Amino acid sequence: MDLEEALKQLAHNPAYANVVAQIHAYRENSIKALAGAPTETVQQISGELLAYDSMLDLMNWDLINNIHFNKIN
């Protein structure tokens, strides 16, 4: 089984979905931190956002969100 297939199977696991949802929450907190952030920290926060986005893409956030949270199947 390749990585993509394994991640599709994991997407149906509620515990995995909760972990990925927590990563999404961290991403949202980083976005909020951008508001009013000093110029010298914007680059650091932007790096965090890129990392969170990469993880969420790899972990199939859109699929997980549809399956577990939006209930759109």
N, C-alpha and C. Protein backbone atom coordinates (compact mmCIF):
# COMPACT_ATOMS: atom_id res chain seq x y z
N MET A 1 0.85 -1.17 0.00
CA MET A 1 0.00 0.00 0.00
C MET A 1 0.90 1.24 0.00
N ASP A 2 0.61 2.17 -0.89
CA ASP A 2 1.41 3.38 -0.93
C ASP A 2 0.91 4.41 0.08
N LEU A 3 1.66 5.47 0.24
CA LEU A 3 1.35 6.49 1.24
C LEU A 3 -0.01 7.13 1.00
N GLU A 4 -0.32 7.43 -0.24
CA GLU A 4 -1.59 8.08 -0.56
C GLU A 4 -2.78 7.20 -0.16
N GLU A 5 -2.70 5.93 -0.44
CA GLU A 5 -3.78 5.01 -0.08
C GLU A 5 -3.89 4.86 1.44
N ALA A 6 -2.75 4.79 2.11
CA ALA A 6 -2.76 4.68 3.57
C ALA A 6 -3.41 5.91 4.20
N LEU A 7 -3.09 7.10 3.67
CA LEU A 7 -3.68 8.33 4.22
C LEU A 7 -5.17 8.41 3.95
N LYS A 8 -5.61 7.89 2.81
CA LYS A 8 -7.05 7.86 2.53
C LYS A 8 -7.77 6.96 3.53
N GLN A 9 -7.15 5.86 3.88
CA GLN A 9 -7.77 4.97 4.87
C GLN A 9 -7.77 5.62 6.25
N LEU A 10 -6.67 6.27 6.60
CA LEU A 10 -6.60 6.93 7.90
C LEU A 10 -7.63 8.05 8.03
N ALA A 11 -7.99 8.67 6.92
CA ALA A 11 -8.94 9.78 6.95
C ALA A 11 -10.27 9.39 7.58
N HIS A 12 -10.59 8.11 7.57
CA HIS A 12 -11.86 7.64 8.14
C HIS A 12 -11.76 7.34 9.64
N ASN A 13 -10.58 7.44 10.20
CA ASN A 13 -10.36 7.16 11.61
C ASN A 13 -10.61 8.43 12.43
N PRO A 14 -11.57 8.42 13.35
CA PRO A 14 -11.88 9.63 14.14
C PRO A 14 -10.69 10.15 14.96
N ALA A 15 -9.88 9.28 15.51
CA ALA A 15 -8.73 9.73 16.30
C ALA A 15 -7.73 10.47 15.40
N TYR A 16 -7.47 9.93 14.23
CA TYR A 16 -6.58 10.59 13.27
C TYR A 16 -7.18 11.93 12.87
N ALA A 17 -8.49 11.95 12.63
CA ALA A 17 -9.16 13.20 12.24
C ALA A 17 -9.00 14.26 13.32
N ASN A 18 -9.07 13.87 14.58
CA ASN A 18 -8.90 14.83 15.67
C ASN A 18 -7.49 15.39 15.72
N VAL A 19 -6.50 14.56 15.45
CA VAL A 19 -5.11 15.03 15.42
C VAL A 19 -4.94 16.05 14.30
N VAL A 20 -5.45 15.73 13.12
CA VAL A 20 -5.32 16.63 11.98
C VAL A 20 -6.11 17.93 12.23
N ALA A 21 -7.26 17.82 12.88
CA ALA A 21 -8.04 19.02 13.22
C ALA A 21 -7.26 19.91 14.19
N GLN A 22 -6.49 19.32 15.08
CA GLN A 22 -5.68 20.13 16.00
C GLN A 22 -4.60 20.88 15.24
N ILE A 23 -3.99 20.24 14.25
CA ILE A 23 -3.00 20.92 13.42
C ILE A 23 -3.67 22.09 12.69
N HIS A 24 -4.90 21.86 12.21
CA HIS A 24 -5.63 22.94 11.55
C HIS A 24 -5.90 24.09 12.53
N ALA A 25 -6.21 23.77 13.77
CA ALA A 25 -6.44 24.81 14.78
C ALA A 25 -5.15 25.61 15.04
N TYR A 26 -4.00 24.93 15.08
CA TYR A 26 -2.73 25.63 15.23
C TYR A 26 -2.51 26.60 14.07
N ARG A 27 -2.86 26.15 12.86
CA ARG A 27 -2.74 27.01 11.68
C ARG A 27 -3.61 28.25 11.83
N GLU A 28 -4.84 28.05 12.26
CA GLU A 28 -5.75 29.18 12.44
C GLU A 28 -5.22 30.15 13.50
N ASN A 29 -4.64 29.64 14.56
CA ASN A 29 -4.04 30.50 15.59
C ASN A 29 -2.87 31.30 15.04
N SER A 30 -2.09 30.69 14.16
CA SER A 30 -0.98 31.41 13.54
C SER A 30 -1.49 32.54 12.65
N ILE A 31 -2.58 32.29 11.94
CA ILE A 31 -3.17 33.34 11.11
C ILE A 31 -3.63 34.50 11.99
N LYS A 32 -4.27 34.19 13.11
CA LYS A 32 -4.70 35.24 14.04
C LYS A 32 -3.51 36.02 14.59
N ALA A 33 -2.39 35.33 14.80
CA ALA A 33 -1.20 35.98 15.34
C ALA A 33 -0.60 36.98 14.36
N LEU A 34 -0.89 36.84 13.08
CA LEU A 34 -0.38 37.79 12.09
C LEU A 34 -0.94 39.19 12.30
N ALA A 35 -2.17 39.27 12.78
CA ALA A 35 -2.80 40.58 12.99
C ALA A 35 -2.06 41.33 14.08
N GLY A 36 -1.49 42.43 13.71
CA GLY A 36 -0.77 43.26 14.67
C GLY A 36 0.60 42.74 15.06
N ALA A 37 1.08 41.71 14.37
CA ALA A 37 2.41 41.17 14.70
C ALA A 37 3.49 42.14 14.26
N PRO A 38 4.54 42.25 15.06
CA PRO A 38 5.66 43.09 14.64
C PRO A 38 6.28 42.55 13.34
N THR A 39 6.80 43.44 12.57
CA THR A 39 7.38 43.08 11.27
C THR A 39 8.40 41.95 11.40
N GLU A 40 9.19 41.98 12.44
CA GLU A 40 10.24 40.97 12.59
C GLU A 40 9.71 39.57 12.87
N THR A 41 8.46 39.44 13.29
CA THR A 41 7.90 38.10 13.55
C THR A 41 7.00 37.60 12.43
N VAL A 42 6.66 38.46 11.48
CA VAL A 42 5.77 38.05 10.38
C VAL A 42 6.41 36.92 9.58
N GLN A 43 7.70 37.00 9.32
CA GLN A 43 8.38 35.95 8.55
C GLN A 43 8.34 34.62 9.30
N GLN A 44 8.52 34.64 10.59
CA GLN A 44 8.47 33.42 11.39
C GLN A 44 7.07 32.80 11.34
N ILE A 45 6.06 33.62 11.51
CA ILE A 45 4.68 33.14 11.47
C ILE A 45 4.35 32.61 10.08
N SER A 46 4.82 33.28 9.06
CA SER A 46 4.59 32.82 7.69
C SER A 46 5.21 31.45 7.46
N GLY A 47 6.37 31.22 8.03
CA GLY A 47 7.01 29.90 7.95
C GLY A 47 6.18 28.83 8.64
N GLU A 48 5.62 29.19 9.80
CA GLU A 48 4.74 28.25 10.49
C GLU A 48 3.54 27.90 9.62
N LEU A 49 2.95 28.92 9.01
CA LEU A 49 1.78 28.69 8.16
C LEU A 49 2.10 27.76 6.99
N LEU A 50 3.25 27.97 6.37
CA LEU A 50 3.66 27.09 5.27
C LEU A 50 3.82 25.66 5.75
N ALA A 51 4.39 25.48 6.93
CA ALA A 51 4.57 24.13 7.48
C ALA A 51 3.22 23.49 7.77
N TYR A 52 2.32 24.23 8.42
CA TYR A 52 0.99 23.69 8.71
C TYR A 52 0.25 23.35 7.42
N ASP A 53 0.32 24.23 6.43
CA ASP A 53 -0.36 23.96 5.16
C ASP A 53 0.18 22.69 4.50
N SER A 54 1.49 22.51 4.54
CA SER A 54 2.10 21.31 3.96
C SER A 54 1.62 20.05 4.68
N MET A 55 1.58 20.11 6.00
CA MET A 55 1.12 18.95 6.77
C MET A 55 -0.34 18.65 6.46
N LEU A 56 -1.17 19.69 6.43
CA LEU A 56 -2.60 19.49 6.19
C LEU A 56 -2.85 18.93 4.79
N ASP A 57 -2.07 19.40 3.81
CA ASP A 57 -2.21 18.84 2.46
C ASP A 57 -1.84 17.37 2.44
N LEU A 58 -0.72 17.03 3.06
CA LEU A 58 -0.27 15.64 3.10
C LEU A 58 -1.27 14.75 3.81
N MET A 59 -1.86 15.26 4.89
CA MET A 59 -2.75 14.46 5.73
C MET A 59 -4.20 14.47 5.25
N ASN A 60 -4.46 15.05 4.09
CA ASN A 60 -5.81 15.07 3.48
C ASN A 60 -6.84 15.83 4.32
N TRP A 61 -6.49 17.04 4.76
CA TRP A 61 -7.40 17.82 5.58
C TRP A 61 -8.77 18.00 4.93
N ASP A 62 -8.80 18.31 3.64
CA ASP A 62 -10.09 18.54 2.98
C ASP A 62 -10.99 17.32 3.08
N LEU A 63 -10.44 16.15 2.82
CA LEU A 63 -11.22 14.90 2.92
C LEU A 63 -11.67 14.66 4.36
N ILE A 64 -10.76 14.83 5.30
CA ILE A 64 -11.10 14.62 6.71
C ILE A 64 -12.19 15.60 7.15
N ASN A 65 -12.08 16.83 6.76
CA ASN A 65 -13.07 17.83 7.12
C ASN A 65 -14.44 17.46 6.56
N ASN A 66 -14.46 16.97 5.34
CA ASN A 66 -15.73 16.56 4.74
C ASN A 66 -16.33 15.34 5.42
N ILE A 67 -15.49 14.38 5.75
CA ILE A 67 -15.97 13.14 6.37
C ILE A 67 -16.44 13.35 7.81
N HIS A 68 -15.63 14.05 8.59
CA HIS A 68 -15.87 14.09 10.04
C HIS A 68 -16.52 15.37 10.56
N PHE A 69 -16.27 16.48 9.90
CA PHE A 69 -16.70 17.73 10.48
C PHE A 69 -17.81 18.41 9.69
N ASN A 70 -17.69 18.44 8.38
CA ASN A 70 -18.75 19.01 7.55
C ASN A 70 -19.85 18.00 7.23
N LYS A 71 -19.53 16.74 7.39
CA LYS A 71 -20.47 15.65 7.10
C LYS A 71 -20.96 15.70 5.65
N ILE A 72 -20.04 16.09 4.75
CA ILE A 72 -20.36 16.09 3.31
C ILE A 72 -19.64 14.89 2.71
N ASN A 73 -20.37 13.89 2.31
CA ASN A 73 -19.77 12.68 1.73
C ASN A 73 -20.15 12.53 0.28
